[in-house]
């Protein structure tokens, strides 16, 4: 076996992707910190309709199949909701597809499922909004996303710091293929791991 065959067997290099709703200046600082680290491909969006589908388009253009190790979405959140391009008002997410929520997932025009082939084995989706993992709707949403994308889905029921890259409090984890299993709780995984 030569080196080209070996590299082909190994698959594409794994990448990290960070998506930041920069409508809030404090999240712009998060974007800047992520870019300074240089460990991930960073996409930023600000107050625009269709941010969810634009994110999908941008990621599918930048990534190779089976290459994404982790996709982190940094935006304002409420229970079962995280923004991508919604700014501080999550009420527009369902109709305008400016983030991820139960309503957005029910919208027939959302395209999040197109990301599935881009995730590597044992990949994860981190929903980094405040309280995104809180409540029964969040549990259903996280399980739905885990099955749709074939990845673990992480979200916290707690408020998250607007500065810094670490999780605050514990994180709930939904595992694909276990839609009715209770979510596991554990400390969050630091950026770069």
Foldseek 3Di string as FASTA:
>chain_A
DDPVVVDVVVPDAAAEEEFFAPQDVLRVQVQVVVVVVVRHHYHYAAQDFPQQVVVVVVDVVVFDFQHYQEYEYHAADAAQWGFRHHHNDRPCCLPRVRTGHPSVVPPPPGDNLSCQRRHHPAHEYEREHAQNCDDPRSLQSQQVVCQSNVYKYKYDRHHADSDDFAGDAWIWIHHHPCNPDGTDIDGDDGPPD
